[in-house]
């Protein structure tokens, strides 16, 4: 019986097909694409020559550095809403004879401009030593870097310099975001905006005002060596910002607030608050006053080593401040005068 089972088992094993070494297998077809391309998700339109007019919503991008040479008109004109313009790390420049704008957008258009440089031919020479400096402006090239009269626009990761008047002019209304924009050597204003959020920006050696915000907030921003005010907020807030060596005011807040900010070596007053509040801020080595508050309040702030009076408050409430010298007509609480 055992011999019969063994013989049958051996025969069964011999008849089982080999489980190994089946020979070469035909390779399968190449796998199909699992993801859509960028152009399938958001079709993009290249810009490779100037002037260029945008009449339809969509995404547009630079393919190379471009220089505008026409003596009139704008390099890029935007006549549509919901437009994204990606400079792709390239530069939009002008020759000195240009008098038009680099990017011009009319009212009612929301747009995004990002990732690149706009360069005119204006020069701003700063001479002297702070706080006694002079600014000499020689206009040439683009009139304005970006002129936008719309709301709900977004400007991100841009460098704008050498324009005759404004680097970035955004006056269309609310919900505009200006982030990581550097403006320098523009003939008048670096950034001028209405009802905007401005953050992580740098304004250097512009002819008059580094950053002007009619309303909204200015946060984590630096303004230095501008011909007039470093940061000027007509209303709204200035937070975590620094203004140094500007030709007049470092920080000017008209009926707004200044918080956690610093003003140093400006030619006139470091922090001027015409109403509103100054909190946890510092003003040192300015040419006239350190902190001047006509009304409102100054709290937990420091003003020292300014050429005039360190802290001046007409009707403002002053509390828990440190100042080398004070002229205070309003309430005074818990202050330290070293």
Protein backbone atom coordinates (compact mmCIF):
# COMPACT_ATOMS: atom_id res chain seq x y z
CA UNK A 1 0.00 0.00 0.00
CA UNK A 2 2.80 2.45 0.88
CA UNK A 3 4.62 1.65 -2.35
CA UNK A 4 1.45 2.44 -4.38
CA UNK A 5 0.97 5.84 -2.72
CA UNK A 6 4.59 6.79 -3.19
CA UNK A 7 4.50 5.85 -6.86
CA UNK A 8 1.29 7.84 -7.47
CA UNK A 9 2.66 10.89 -5.61
CA UNK A 10 5.84 10.84 -7.69
CA UNK A 11 3.77 10.62 -10.85
CA UNK A 12 1.59 13.56 -9.74
CA UNK A 13 4.61 15.71 -9.01
CA UNK A 14 6.03 14.97 -12.43
CA UNK A 15 2.80 16.10 -14.09
CA UNK A 16 2.55 19.48 -12.20
CA UNK A 17 3.74 22.31 -14.41
CA UNK A 18 6.94 23.97 -13.17
CA UNK A 19 6.29 26.85 -10.83
CA UNK A 20 9.51 28.62 -11.78
CA UNK A 21 11.49 29.76 -14.84
CA UNK A 22 8.56 30.27 -17.16
CA UNK A 23 10.65 32.15 -19.71
CA UNK A 24 10.52 35.78 -20.77
CA UNK A 25 7.23 37.62 -20.33
CA UNK A 26 6.06 40.33 -22.73
CA UNK A 27 6.38 43.71 -20.92
CA UNK A 28 3.14 45.59 -20.33
CA UNK A 29 2.40 48.85 -22.10
CA UNK A 30 3.83 52.03 -20.59
CA UNK A 31 1.63 53.39 -17.79
CA UNK A 32 -0.65 56.23 -18.76
CA UNK A 33 -0.29 59.69 -17.14
CA UNK A 34 -1.76 59.84 -13.68
CA UNK A 35 -1.75 63.65 -13.31
CA UNK A 36 -2.79 66.53 -15.48
CA UNK A 37 -0.19 68.96 -16.76
CA UNK A 38 -0.17 72.58 -15.60
CA UNK A 39 -1.52 73.71 -18.96
CA UNK A 40 -4.42 71.24 -18.65
CA UNK A 41 -5.29 72.60 -15.21
CA UNK A 42 -4.75 76.27 -16.04
CA UNK A 43 -4.01 76.97 -19.71
CA UNK A 44 -1.22 79.58 -19.87
CA UNK A 45 -0.55 82.14 -22.55
CA UNK A 46 3.07 83.16 -23.21
CA UNK A 47 4.22 86.77 -23.51
CA UNK A 48 7.34 87.04 -25.64
CA UNK A 49 7.13 90.57 -27.12
CA UNK A 50 5.95 94.07 -26.24
CA UNK A 51 3.61 95.89 -26.19
CA UNK A 52 1.12 93.24 -25.13
CA UNK A 53 -2.61 93.73 -24.42
CA UNK A 54 -4.67 91.31 -22.33
CA UNK A 55 -8.37 91.28 -23.20
CA UNK A 56 -9.47 87.96 -21.70
CA UNK A 57 -9.30 86.33 -18.26
CA UNK A 58 -6.59 83.73 -17.85
CA UNK A 59 -3.02 82.99 -16.91
CA UNK A 60 -0.17 84.73 -18.74
CA UNK A 61 3.57 84.30 -18.33
CA UNK A 62 6.89 85.71 -19.50
CA UNK A 63 9.19 83.50 -21.54
CA UNK A 64 12.25 85.76 -21.26
CA UNK A 65 13.47 89.19 -20.18
CA UNK A 66 11.59 91.89 -22.11
CA UNK A 67 12.50 95.53 -22.73
CA UNK A 68 9.96 98.20 -23.71
CA UNK A 69 11.23 100.82 -26.15
CA UNK A 70 8.14 102.74 -27.33
CA UNK A 71 8.09 106.36 -26.20
CA UNK A 72 4.33 106.29 -25.55
CA UNK A 73 1.81 103.75 -24.34
CA UNK A 74 2.29 100.98 -21.81
CA UNK A 75 4.29 97.79 -22.06
CA UNK A 76 1.41 95.58 -20.84
CA UNK A 77 -2.19 96.73 -20.77
CA UNK A 78 -4.80 94.69 -18.91
CA UNK A 79 -8.43 95.08 -19.99
CA UNK A 80 -9.93 92.03 -18.28
CA UNK A 81 -10.59 90.72 -14.82
CA UNK A 82 -9.37 87.47 -13.25
CA UNK A 83 -5.94 87.75 -14.84
CA UNK A 84 -2.76 86.17 -13.47
CA UNK A 85 0.54 87.50 -14.79
CA UNK A 86 3.59 85.45 -13.82
CA UNK A 87 6.87 87.15 -14.69
CA UNK A 88 8.61 83.83 -14.10
CA UNK A 89 11.70 85.40 -12.53
CA UNK A 90 12.30 87.56 -15.61
CA UNK A 91 12.64 91.35 -15.88
CA UNK A 92 10.38 93.85 -17.60
CA UNK A 93 12.57 96.89 -18.31
CA UNK A 94 12.49 100.17 -20.22
CA UNK A 95 14.86 102.48 -22.04
CA UNK A 96 15.26 106.06 -20.70
CA UNK A 97 12.98 107.61 -23.36
CA UNK A 98 9.95 105.56 -22.26
CA UNK A 99 7.24 107.61 -20.53
CA UNK A 100 4.45 105.03 -20.28
CA UNK A 101 3.69 102.42 -17.65
CA UNK A 102 5.11 98.95 -17.29
CA UNK A 103 1.79 97.28 -16.34
CA UNK A 104 -1.44 99.26 -16.64
CA UNK A 105 -4.79 97.91 -15.42
CA UNK A 106 -8.07 99.81 -15.53
CA UNK A 107 -10.85 100.02 -12.99
CA UNK A 108 -12.94 96.97 -12.24
CA UNK A 109 -10.24 94.40 -13.02
CA UNK A 110 -8.89 92.04 -10.39
CA UNK A 111 -5.47 90.63 -11.14
CA UNK A 112 -2.43 88.86 -9.74
CA UNK A 113 1.11 89.88 -10.66
CA UNK A 114 3.97 87.82 -9.23
CA UNK A 115 7.53 86.51 -9.40
CA UNK A 116 9.71 88.99 -11.21
CA UNK A 117 11.19 92.44 -11.67
CA UNK A 118 10.12 95.77 -13.16
CA UNK A 119 13.00 98.14 -13.85
CA UNK A 120 12.86 101.71 -15.12
CA UNK A 121 15.72 104.15 -15.60
CA UNK A 122 15.08 106.73 -12.86
CA UNK A 123 17.90 107.29 -10.42
CA UNK A 124 17.67 108.53 -6.83
CA UNK A 125 20.95 109.59 -5.27
CA UNK A 126 21.03 109.95 -1.49
CA UNK A 127 23.88 112.10 -0.20
CA UNK A 128 24.92 113.12 3.29
CA UNK A 129 24.65 111.30 6.59
CA UNK A 130 21.41 110.66 8.47
CA UNK A 131 19.61 112.65 9.71
CA UNK A 132 21.09 115.31 7.40
CA UNK A 133 20.61 113.90 3.91
CA UNK A 134 19.62 115.10 0.45
CA UNK A 135 17.77 113.27 -2.33
CA UNK A 136 18.45 113.98 -6.02
CA UNK A 137 15.95 112.43 -8.46
CA UNK A 138 16.65 112.08 -12.20
CA UNK A 139 13.49 110.74 -13.91
CA UNK A 140 13.73 108.35 -16.87
CA UNK A 141 11.98 105.24 -18.17
CA UNK A 142 8.67 103.85 -16.94
CA UNK A 143 6.30 106.38 -15.37
CA UNK A 144 4.74 103.76 -13.05
CA UNK A 145 5.77 100.17 -12.48
CA UNK A 146 2.26 98.82 -11.84
CA UNK A 147 -0.84 101.02 -12.04
CA UNK A 148 -3.93 99.22 -10.79
CA UNK A 149 -7.27 100.94 -10.21
CA UNK A 150 -9.11 97.78 -9.18
CA UNK A 151 -9.91 95.97 -5.95
CA UNK A 152 -9.14 92.42 -4.83
CA UNK A 153 -5.79 92.26 -6.60
CA UNK A 154 -2.68 90.45 -5.40
CA UNK A 155 0.97 91.43 -5.81
CA UNK A 156 3.55 88.90 -4.64
CA UNK A 157 7.30 88.40 -4.81
CA UNK A 158 8.15 91.43 -6.94
CA UNK A 159 11.02 93.89 -7.22
CA UNK A 160 10.15 97.32 -8.68
CA UNK A 161 12.72 100.07 -9.09
CA UNK A 162 13.62 103.12 -11.11
CA UNK A 163 10.15 104.37 -12.13
CA UNK A 164 9.51 108.10 -12.59
CA UNK A 165 6.69 108.43 -10.04
CA UNK A 166 5.26 105.28 -8.40
CA UNK A 167 6.68 101.81 -8.11
CA UNK A 168 3.29 100.25 -7.29
CA UNK A 169 0.07 102.30 -7.37
CA UNK A 170 -3.01 100.38 -6.20
CA UNK A 171 -5.98 102.66 -5.64
CA UNK A 172 -9.02 100.64 -6.63
CA UNK A 173 -10.48 99.79 -3.25
CA UNK A 174 -10.54 96.95 -0.74
CA UNK A 175 -9.12 93.47 -0.44
CA UNK A 176 -5.88 94.09 -2.31
CA UNK A 177 -2.91 92.13 -0.95
CA UNK A 178 0.67 93.34 -1.38
CA UNK A 179 3.18 90.80 -0.09
CA UNK A 180 6.96 90.46 -0.47
CA UNK A 181 7.34 93.46 -2.74
CA UNK A 182 10.60 95.42 -2.77
CA UNK A 183 10.50 99.00 -4.10
CA UNK A 184 13.54 101.21 -4.51
CA UNK A 185 14.77 104.37 -6.28
CA UNK A 186 11.36 105.30 -7.64
CA UNK A 187 11.01 109.05 -8.19
CA UNK A 188 8.15 109.62 -5.75
CA UNK A 189 6.39 106.74 -3.96
CA UNK A 190 7.57 103.18 -3.58
CA UNK A 191 4.11 101.75 -2.79
CA UNK A 192 0.89 103.79 -2.68
CA UNK A 193 -2.31 101.93 -1.90
CA UNK A 194 -5.87 102.23 -0.64
CA UNK A 195 -7.60 99.69 1.62
CA UNK A 196 -4.82 97.16 1.17
CA UNK A 197 -2.95 94.65 3.26
CA UNK A 198 0.80 95.30 2.97
CA UNK A 199 3.22 92.80 4.50
CA UNK A 200 6.85 91.71 4.28
CA UNK A 201 7.74 94.62 2.00
CA UNK A 202 10.89 96.73 1.73
CA UNK A 203 11.04 100.37 0.54
CA UNK A 204 14.46 101.93 0.02
CA UNK A 205 15.66 105.28 -1.38
CA UNK A 206 12.43 106.35 -3.03
CA UNK A 207 12.16 110.08 -3.79
CA UNK A 208 9.37 110.94 -1.35
CA UNK A 209 7.43 108.25 0.58
CA UNK A 210 8.48 104.64 0.91
CA UNK A 211 5.06 103.14 1.70
CA UNK A 212 1.77 105.04 1.76
CA UNK A 213 -1.35 103.23 2.93
CA UNK A 214 -4.59 105.21 2.88
CA UNK A 215 -6.23 102.49 4.92
CA UNK A 216 -5.60 98.87 5.80
CA UNK A 217 -2.63 97.33 7.54
CA UNK A 218 1.15 97.52 7.18
CA UNK A 219 2.95 94.58 8.78
CA UNK A 220 6.57 93.38 9.03
CA UNK A 221 7.79 96.05 6.65
CA UNK A 222 11.01 98.07 6.42
CA UNK A 223 11.43 101.58 5.00
CA UNK A 224 14.82 103.28 4.86
CA UNK A 225 16.43 106.32 3.20
CA UNK A 226 13.23 107.56 1.55
CA UNK A 227 13.08 111.30 0.81
CA UNK A 228 10.07 112.12 3.00
CA UNK A 229 8.29 109.59 5.22
CA UNK A 230 9.28 105.98 5.53
CA UNK A 231 5.81 104.57 6.28
CA UNK A 232 2.71 106.77 6.14
CA UNK A 233 -0.64 105.30 7.16
CA UNK A 234 -3.57 107.70 6.87
CA UNK A 235 -5.62 105.25 8.92
CA UNK A 236 -5.28 101.59 9.75
CA UNK A 237 -2.39 99.94 11.52
CA UNK A 238 1.40 99.69 11.37
CA UNK A 239 2.79 96.61 13.11
CA UNK A 240 6.23 95.02 13.51
CA UNK A 241 7.78 97.56 11.14
CA UNK A 242 10.99 99.60 11.01
CA UNK A 243 11.75 103.03 9.55
CA UNK A 244 15.32 104.35 9.46
CA UNK A 245 17.14 107.35 7.97
CA UNK A 246 14.17 108.81 6.12
CA UNK A 247 14.11 112.48 5.11
CA UNK A 248 11.21 113.56 7.35
CA UNK A 249 9.08 111.22 9.45
CA UNK A 250 10.02 107.64 10.10
CA UNK A 251 6.47 106.45 10.77
CA UNK A 252 3.42 108.69 10.40
CA UNK A 253 0.07 107.36 11.61
CA UNK A 254 -2.97 109.54 11.14
CA UNK A 255 -5.81 108.15 13.30
CA UNK A 256 -4.37 104.66 13.26
CA UNK A 257 -2.15 102.52 15.46
CA UNK A 258 1.58 101.82 15.68
CA UNK A 259 2.57 98.61 17.46
CA UNK A 260 5.92 96.84 18.02
CA UNK A 261 7.66 99.19 15.60
CA UNK A 262 10.95 101.10 15.53
CA UNK A 263 12.00 104.51 14.13
CA UNK A 264 15.66 105.50 14.15
CA UNK A 265 17.85 108.30 12.69
CA UNK A 266 15.03 109.93 10.73
CA UNK A 267 15.47 113.64 9.96
CA UNK A 268 12.34 114.82 11.78
CA UNK A 269 10.13 112.89 14.20
CA UNK A 270 10.59 109.15 14.54
CA UNK A 271 6.95 108.21 15.21
CA UNK A 272 4.24 110.81 14.64
CA UNK A 273 0.77 109.76 15.75
CA UNK A 274 -2.02 112.21 15.02
CA UNK A 275 -4.68 110.36 16.95
CA UNK A 276 -4.74 106.63 17.48
CA UNK A 277 -2.21 104.78 19.58
CA UNK A 278 1.48 103.98 19.88
CA UNK A 279 2.22 100.75 21.77
CA UNK A 280 5.41 98.77 22.49
CA UNK A 281 7.41 100.92 20.05
CA UNK A 282 10.82 102.60 20.09
CA UNK A 283 12.18 105.87 18.67
CA UNK A 284 15.87 106.77 18.97
CA UNK A 285 18.40 109.19 17.45
CA UNK A 286 15.86 111.07 15.34
CA UNK A 287 16.51 114.66 14.26
CA UNK A 288 13.62 116.28 16.16
CA UNK A 289 11.23 114.34 18.42
CA UNK A 290 11.25 110.67 19.16
CA UNK A 291 7.49 110.14 19.55
CA UNK A 292 4.92 112.86 18.99
CA UNK A 293 1.29 112.12 19.81
CA UNK A 294 -1.27 114.88 19.35
CA UNK A 295 -4.06 112.77 20.82
CA UNK A 296 -4.84 109.14 21.55
CA UNK A 297 -2.36 107.20 23.66
CA UNK A 298 1.29 106.19 23.99
CA UNK A 299 1.83 103.04 26.03
CA UNK A 300 4.81 100.83 26.95
CA UNK A 301 7.08 102.63 24.51
CA UNK A 302 10.63 104.01 24.60
CA UNK A 303 12.05 107.28 23.23
CA UNK A 304 15.66 108.19 23.88
CA UNK A 305 18.66 110.05 22.42
CA UNK A 306 16.61 112.14 19.99
CA UNK A 307 17.86 115.64 19.17
CA UNK A 308 14.62 117.30 20.29
CA UNK A 309 12.21 116.17 22.98
CA UNK A 310 12.05 112.40 23.23
CA UNK A 311 8.32 112.16 23.88
CA UNK A 312 5.74 114.87 23.18
CA UNK A 313 2.05 114.36 23.94
CA UNK A 314 -0.43 117.22 23.69
CA UNK A 315 -3.73 115.63 24.68
CA UNK A 316 -2.63 112.01 24.47
CA UNK A 317 -2.57 109.66 27.42
CA UNK A 318 0.97 108.46 28.19
CA UNK A 319 1.43 105.33 30.28
CA UNK A 320 4.41 103.14 31.25
CA UNK A 321 6.85 104.74 28.83
CA UNK A 322 10.59 105.35 29.05
CA UNK A 323 11.93 108.65 27.73
CA UNK A 324 14.94 110.85 28.33
CA UNK A 325 12.74 113.95 28.12
CA UNK A 326 8.99 114.50 27.99
CA UNK A 327 6.48 117.24 27.27
CA UNK A 328 3.11 115.87 28.27
CA UNK A 329 -0.12 117.88 28.59
CA UNK A 330 -2.44 114.89 28.94
CA UNK A 331 -2.58 112.14 31.55
CA UNK A 332 0.75 110.67 32.64
CA UNK A 333 0.95 107.30 34.39
CA UNK A 334 3.80 105.10 35.57
CA UNK A 335 6.52 106.52 33.33
CA UNK A 336 10.27 106.19 33.77
CA UNK A 337 12.54 109.11 32.90
CA UNK A 338 16.19 108.05 33.11
